[in-house]
Amino acid sequence: MNQANCVVQRIYARSLLSGGRCSFSPSRGFRFYGFDSGPPHVNCKPHLLFSALVLLVCSANPTAVFAAPLDWFKFGPTQAVDVVTISYGSFNNLAVYAGQYTGTIASTQAGLSSPLAQTFNTFCVDLADEVTVGQVYEVAQTPTSGGLTNGGAIAYLYNTYGLSLITGSNVNGSGLNSDDYAAALQLAIWDELANNGQAPHAGSALQYSGLNPGVAAQVQQFLTLANSNSSNAIWLDSNVPQPPGFTPGQGFIAPVGQGLFVPAPEPPTVVLLSGVFCCACGGFGYRRRRSTGLCP
């Protein structure tokens, strides 16, 4: 590159980096109108940068930093259940279990048989799929606050009435045995999902029948309580790519704060953090290299 071209590039680059402008005329040559007479630079203060990063992490979802891998889930056995008839979507007058079930989760398929695998009481939060007792498939742990209709109300019902094993002949003074009480809780959760927290009526997306005496009244009581309360839990989303030979089952709810049960991160936060680190690295690199200029 000849000297004249180098001078042009220096002047033009300087004008852009300092916020000024550059002009040329045959009589006057190059003229530079800038706001900074010194060389361009980046004033990088590490302690301020670190403070900004801490503020960003703390103001975002505290668990939303790194993506969590999928986990393996095994459905069953059933605990306290009734058989009810539901109609929803493509399911018409389908006889299903409604109640409390057992779920097992582990980070690997082999881990489901390990003593370290976590077993918990659960309820179904997915009316679009089917599952069979003993079915194994992969799931993504997802906060009930994200992607689950009325997730806060569902989490409240689960955390308050469904975490512990439902047993007895007069559960919580309801006059219902464990099977009927658990069925009422499951139906209330499905009403939150499909009927916006309302019991079935003409035109409702979800309809059910074949209930034992007292169950419908208990469903309504659960819905009334959920209408003014909210909580947090995890739901196990089965709508993820499955390994060869495995079929996704239904999604189920799980407790928060026990071993594997950590809410999955939100991708936008990861992207934002990456951008901050890139800007930090770019700033430091430019400060070190700025004295080299644009021409060799």
Protein backbone atom coordinates (compact mmCIF):
# COMPACT_ATOMS: atom_id res chain seq x y z
CA MET A 1 0.00 0.00 0.00
CA ASN A 2 1.50 3.40 -0.99
CA GLN A 3 1.87 6.28 1.44
CA ALA A 4 -0.93 8.39 -0.06
CA ASN A 5 -3.48 5.60 0.29
CA CYS A 6 -2.34 4.94 3.83
CA VAL A 7 -2.88 8.60 4.74
CA VAL A 8 -6.38 8.51 3.26
CA GLN A 9 -7.27 5.40 5.27
CA ARG A 10 -5.86 6.89 8.48
CA ILE A 11 -7.82 10.13 8.08
CA TYR A 12 -11.07 8.39 7.09
CA ALA A 13 -10.84 5.83 9.90
CA ARG A 14 -10.04 8.52 12.43
CA SER A 15 -13.05 10.57 11.31
CA LEU A 16 -15.42 7.63 11.77
CA LEU A 17 -14.05 6.40 15.07
CA SER A 18 -14.00 9.83 16.70
CA GLY A 19 -17.46 10.81 15.49
CA GLY A 20 -16.24 13.44 12.99
CA ARG A 21 -16.20 13.67 9.22
CA CYS A 22 -13.61 13.85 6.45
CA SER A 23 -13.76 15.91 3.20
CA PHE A 24 -11.48 16.46 0.18
CA SER A 25 -11.18 19.23 -2.37
CA PRO A 26 -8.48 19.75 -5.08
CA SER A 27 -7.53 23.14 -3.66
CA ARG A 28 -7.52 22.34 0.03
CA GLY A 29 -6.76 18.63 0.08
CA PHE A 30 -8.00 16.49 2.93
CA ARG A 31 -9.68 18.23 5.82
CA PHE A 32 -10.74 16.47 9.00
CA TYR A 33 -13.53 17.72 11.24
CA GLY A 34 -13.47 15.68 14.43
CA PHE A 35 -14.51 15.87 18.05
CA ASP A 36 -11.42 14.25 19.53
CA SER A 37 -7.92 15.38 18.67
CA GLY A 38 -6.31 12.29 20.18
CA PRO A 39 -6.24 8.77 18.81
CA PRO A 40 -9.40 6.64 19.17
CA HIS A 41 -9.49 4.51 22.31
CA VAL A 42 -11.74 2.45 24.53
CA ASN A 43 -11.75 3.43 28.18
CA CYS A 44 -12.24 0.02 29.74
CA LYS A 45 -12.63 -0.24 33.52
CA PRO A 46 -12.61 -3.89 34.65
CA HIS A 47 -14.28 -3.24 38.01
CA LEU A 48 -17.22 -1.48 36.33
CA LEU A 49 -17.51 -4.25 33.77
CA PHE A 50 -17.57 -6.91 36.50
CA SER A 51 -20.27 -4.97 38.38
CA ALA A 52 -22.36 -4.81 35.22
CA LEU A 53 -22.06 -8.56 34.72
CA VAL A 54 -23.12 -9.26 38.31
CA LEU A 55 -26.11 -6.95 37.94
CA LEU A 56 -27.13 -8.67 34.70
CA VAL A 57 -26.97 -12.15 36.22
CA CYS A 58 -28.84 -11.14 39.38
CA SER A 59 -31.57 -9.29 37.52
CA ALA A 60 -32.19 -12.23 35.20
CA ASN A 61 -33.63 -15.59 36.18
CA PRO A 62 -31.06 -16.79 38.77
CA THR A 63 -31.08 -20.29 37.32
CA ALA A 64 -31.02 -19.18 33.71
CA VAL A 65 -27.33 -19.35 32.87
CA PHE A 66 -26.53 -22.70 31.30
CA ALA A 67 -28.80 -25.09 29.43
CA ALA A 68 -29.83 -28.21 31.33
CA PRO A 69 -29.71 -31.63 29.61
CA LEU A 70 -32.77 -33.80 29.17
CA ASP A 71 -33.66 -36.31 31.88
CA TRP A 72 -35.20 -39.76 31.79
CA PHE A 73 -38.65 -40.32 33.26
CA LYS A 74 -40.54 -43.49 34.14
CA PHE A 75 -44.28 -43.41 34.70
CA GLY A 76 -45.99 -45.52 37.35
CA PRO A 77 -47.26 -47.24 39.26
CA THR A 78 -50.57 -45.57 39.99
CA GLN A 79 -51.33 -44.65 43.60
CA ALA A 80 -54.82 -43.29 44.34
CA VAL A 81 -56.97 -43.16 41.20
CA ASP A 82 -60.49 -43.40 39.83
CA VAL A 83 -61.42 -44.36 36.29
CA VAL A 84 -63.31 -41.53 34.60
CA THR A 85 -64.50 -40.87 31.06
CA ILE A 86 -63.17 -37.79 29.28
CA SER A 87 -63.67 -36.10 25.93
CA TYR A 88 -60.96 -33.72 24.76
CA GLY A 89 -59.66 -33.00 21.29
CA SER A 90 -59.41 -36.28 19.40
CA PHE A 91 -60.28 -38.27 22.54
CA ASN A 92 -63.98 -39.03 22.69
CA ASN A 93 -65.46 -40.83 25.69
CA LEU A 94 -62.07 -42.25 26.60
CA ALA A 95 -61.78 -44.14 29.90
CA VAL A 96 -58.68 -42.94 31.75
CA TYR A 97 -57.09 -43.00 35.18
CA ALA A 98 -57.51 -39.76 37.08
CA GLY A 99 -55.55 -39.40 40.29
CA GLN A 100 -52.12 -39.56 41.86
CA TYR A 101 -49.27 -41.50 40.29
CA THR A 102 -45.64 -42.32 40.99
CA GLY A 103 -42.90 -40.88 38.81
CA THR A 104 -39.19 -41.67 38.71
CA ILE A 105 -36.55 -39.41 37.20
CA ALA A 106 -32.81 -39.79 36.57
CA SER A 107 -30.18 -38.21 34.40
CA THR A 108 -29.68 -41.44 32.41
CA GLN A 109 -31.89 -44.33 31.38
CA ALA A 110 -29.83 -46.76 33.45
CA GLY A 111 -30.14 -44.40 36.39
CA LEU A 112 -33.87 -45.06 36.62
CA SER A 113 -33.01 -48.41 38.23
CA SER A 114 -30.47 -46.91 40.59
CA PRO A 115 -31.11 -46.27 44.29
CA LEU A 116 -30.12 -42.67 43.54
CA ALA A 117 -33.07 -42.19 41.19
CA GLN A 118 -35.71 -39.82 42.51
CA THR A 119 -39.24 -41.09 43.04
CA PHE A 120 -42.06 -38.64 43.68
CA ASN A 121 -45.83 -38.31 43.67
CA THR A 122 -47.13 -36.67 40.54
CA PHE A 123 -50.16 -35.64 38.48
CA CYS A 124 -50.69 -35.38 34.74
CA VAL A 125 -50.40 -31.92 33.13
CA ASP A 126 -50.82 -33.02 29.51
CA LEU A 127 -54.10 -33.88 27.82
CA ALA A 128 -52.67 -34.13 24.30
CA ASP A 129 -50.68 -37.36 24.75
CA GLU A 130 -51.10 -40.82 26.25
CA VAL A 131 -48.93 -42.93 28.51
CA THR A 132 -48.83 -46.48 29.83
CA VAL A 133 -47.67 -47.70 33.22
CA GLY A 134 -43.95 -48.45 33.10
CA GLN A 135 -43.29 -46.33 30.00
CA VAL A 136 -39.85 -44.70 29.85
CA TYR A 137 -38.99 -41.58 27.85
CA GLU A 138 -36.97 -38.36 27.94
CA VAL A 139 -38.32 -35.11 29.34
CA ALA A 140 -37.25 -31.50 29.70
CA GLN A 141 -37.63 -29.91 33.12
CA THR A 142 -39.53 -26.67 32.67
CA PRO A 143 -40.84 -24.16 35.24
CA THR A 144 -44.63 -24.19 35.54
CA SER A 145 -44.45 -20.45 34.95
CA GLY A 146 -43.37 -21.08 31.37
CA GLY A 147 -45.36 -22.92 28.72
CA LEU A 148 -47.99 -24.41 31.04
CA THR A 149 -51.47 -22.88 30.97
CA ASN A 150 -52.39 -21.57 34.43
CA GLY A 151 -49.12 -22.97 35.70
CA GLY A 152 -49.19 -20.97 38.94
CA ALA A 153 -52.63 -22.30 39.91
CA ILE A 154 -51.67 -25.86 38.99
CA ALA A 155 -48.45 -25.61 41.02
CA TYR A 156 -50.45 -24.34 44.00
CA LEU A 157 -52.83 -27.30 43.87
CA TYR A 158 -49.96 -29.75 43.51
CA ASN A 159 -47.74 -28.27 46.22
CA THR A 160 -50.62 -27.91 48.68
CA TYR A 161 -52.58 -31.11 48.15
CA GLY A 162 -50.62 -33.47 45.91
CA LEU A 163 -46.99 -33.63 47.06
CA SER A 164 -47.62 -36.15 49.84
CA LEU A 165 -49.13 -39.56 49.24
CA ILE A 166 -52.91 -39.26 49.42
CA THR A 167 -54.31 -41.91 51.78
CA GLY A 168 -57.25 -42.49 54.12
CA SER A 169 -61.02 -42.66 54.02
CA ASN A 170 -61.78 -39.01 54.87
CA VAL A 171 -58.94 -37.07 53.27
CA ASN A 172 -58.54 -33.58 54.75
CA GLY A 173 -62.08 -33.79 56.14
CA SER A 174 -63.54 -33.92 52.63
CA GLY A 175 -65.60 -37.03 53.24
CA LEU A 176 -63.86 -38.64 50.25
CA ASN A 177 -61.60 -41.64 50.22
CA SER A 178 -58.10 -41.34 48.78
CA ASP A 179 -59.10 -42.49 45.27
CA ASP A 180 -61.93 -39.99 44.92
CA TYR A 181 -59.94 -37.14 46.48
CA ALA A 182 -56.97 -37.72 44.19
CA ALA A 183 -59.29 -37.97 41.17
CA ALA A 184 -60.87 -34.64 42.11
CA LEU A 185 -57.43 -33.04 42.33
CA GLN A 186 -56.42 -34.42 38.94
CA LEU A 187 -59.64 -33.22 37.32
CA ALA A 188 -59.15 -29.75 38.80
CA ILE A 189 -55.63 -29.65 37.32
CA TRP A 190 -57.03 -30.67 33.93
CA ASP A 191 -59.72 -27.96 34.24
CA GLU A 192 -56.96 -25.40 34.80
CA LEU A 193 -55.20 -26.67 31.69
CA ALA A 194 -58.14 -27.02 29.33
CA ASN A 195 -61.10 -25.05 30.75
CA ASN A 196 -59.27 -21.99 32.10
CA GLY A 197 -59.92 -22.94 35.69
CA GLN A 198 -63.64 -23.64 35.28
CA ALA A 199 -65.60 -26.85 35.76
CA PRO A 200 -67.00 -28.31 32.52
CA HIS A 201 -70.05 -26.67 30.98
CA ALA A 202 -71.63 -26.67 27.54
CA GLY A 203 -68.94 -25.84 25.03
CA SER A 204 -65.98 -26.56 27.35
CA ALA A 205 -62.92 -28.05 25.68
CA LEU A 206 -62.71 -30.78 28.32
CA GLN A 207 -65.71 -32.82 29.39
CA TYR A 208 -65.74 -35.67 31.89
CA SER A 209 -68.28 -38.02 33.41
CA GLY A 210 -68.58 -41.16 35.50
CA LEU A 211 -67.60 -39.41 38.75
CA ASN A 212 -68.29 -40.90 42.12
CA PRO A 213 -70.52 -38.93 44.53
CA GLY A 214 -68.83 -35.89 46.06
CA VAL A 215 -66.03 -35.70 43.49
CA ALA A 216 -67.55 -32.87 41.41
CA ALA A 217 -68.05 -30.74 44.54
CA GLN A 218 -64.43 -31.30 45.56
CA VAL A 219 -63.24 -30.35 42.07
CA GLN A 220 -65.08 -27.04 42.39
CA GLN A 221 -63.56 -26.44 45.81
CA PHE A 222 -60.06 -26.99 44.40
CA LEU A 223 -60.76 -24.60 41.51
CA THR A 224 -62.05 -21.91 43.89
CA LEU A 225 -58.89 -22.15 45.98
CA ALA A 226 -56.61 -22.12 42.94
CA ASN A 227 -58.33 -19.02 41.58
CA SER A 228 -56.77 -16.87 44.32
CA ASN A 229 -53.46 -18.67 44.89
CA SER A 230 -50.27 -19.33 42.97
CA SER A 231 -47.04 -21.26 43.42
CA ASN A 232 -44.08 -22.70 41.50
CA ALA A 233 -43.19 -26.22 40.47
CA ILE A 234 -41.58 -28.10 37.58
CA TRP A 235 -43.37 -29.80 34.75
CA LEU A 236 -41.70 -32.52 32.74
CA ASP A 237 -42.23 -31.67 29.09
CA SER A 238 -42.24 -34.80 26.95
CA ASN A 239 -42.46 -32.96 23.63
CA VAL A 240 -38.76 -33.37 22.95
CA PRO A 241 -36.90 -35.52 20.39
CA GLN A 242 -36.74 -39.08 21.69
CA PRO A 243 -33.91 -41.57 21.15
CA PRO A 244 -34.59 -44.34 18.61
CA GLY A 245 -37.03 -46.90 19.95
CA PHE A 246 -38.64 -44.57 22.51
CA THR A 247 -42.02 -42.85 22.33
CA PRO A 248 -42.96 -39.72 24.27
CA GLY A 249 -45.61 -40.11 26.92
CA GLN A 250 -47.51 -37.47 28.86
CA GLY A 251 -46.09 -34.51 30.75
CA PHE A 252 -46.20 -34.63 34.55
CA ILE A 253 -45.62 -32.22 37.39
CA ALA A 254 -42.71 -32.49 39.83
CA PRO A 255 -41.48 -30.67 42.95
CA VAL A 256 -38.86 -27.92 42.99
CA GLY A 257 -35.61 -27.91 44.94
CA GLN A 258 -34.87 -31.61 45.21
CA GLY A 259 -31.74 -32.81 43.45
CA LEU A 260 -32.42 -32.89 39.72
CA PHE A 261 -35.38 -30.56 39.90
CA VAL A 262 -33.82 -27.25 38.87
CA PRO A 263 -35.74 -24.93 36.53
CA ALA A 264 -34.31 -24.91 33.01
CA PRO A 265 -32.63 -21.71 31.82
CA GLU A 266 -34.11 -19.21 29.43
CA PRO A 267 -32.11 -18.96 26.17
CA PRO A 268 -32.40 -15.14 25.87
CA THR A 269 -30.42 -14.75 29.09
CA VAL A 270 -27.66 -17.01 27.78
CA VAL A 271 -27.49 -15.00 24.58
CA LEU A 272 -27.39 -11.71 26.51
CA LEU A 273 -24.59 -12.92 28.75
CA SER A 274 -22.62 -14.09 25.72
CA GLY A 275 -22.96 -10.65 24.18
CA VAL A 276 -21.66 -8.94 27.30
CA PHE A 277 -18.61 -11.20 27.48
CA CYS A 278 -17.90 -10.66 23.78
CA CYS A 279 -18.09 -6.89 24.24
CA ALA A 280 -15.78 -7.15 27.24
CA CYS A 281 -13.20 -9.18 25.37
CA GLY A 282 -13.46 -6.93 22.33
CA GLY A 283 -12.93 -3.82 24.45
CA PHE A 284 -9.82 -5.13 26.14
CA GLY A 285 -8.41 -6.38 22.82
CA TYR A 286 -8.98 -3.05 21.10
CA ARG A 287 -7.28 -1.15 23.94
CA ARG A 288 -4.17 -3.28 23.55
CA ARG A 289 -4.07 -3.00 19.76
CA ARG A 290 -5.15 0.58 19.13
CA SER A 291 -1.58 1.96 18.95
CA THR A 292 -0.72 -0.22 15.95
CA GLY A 293 -2.76 1.91 13.53
CA LEU A 294 -4.45 0.90 10.30
CA CYS A 295 -1.41 0.62 8.01
CA PRO A 296 1.62 -1.63 8.39
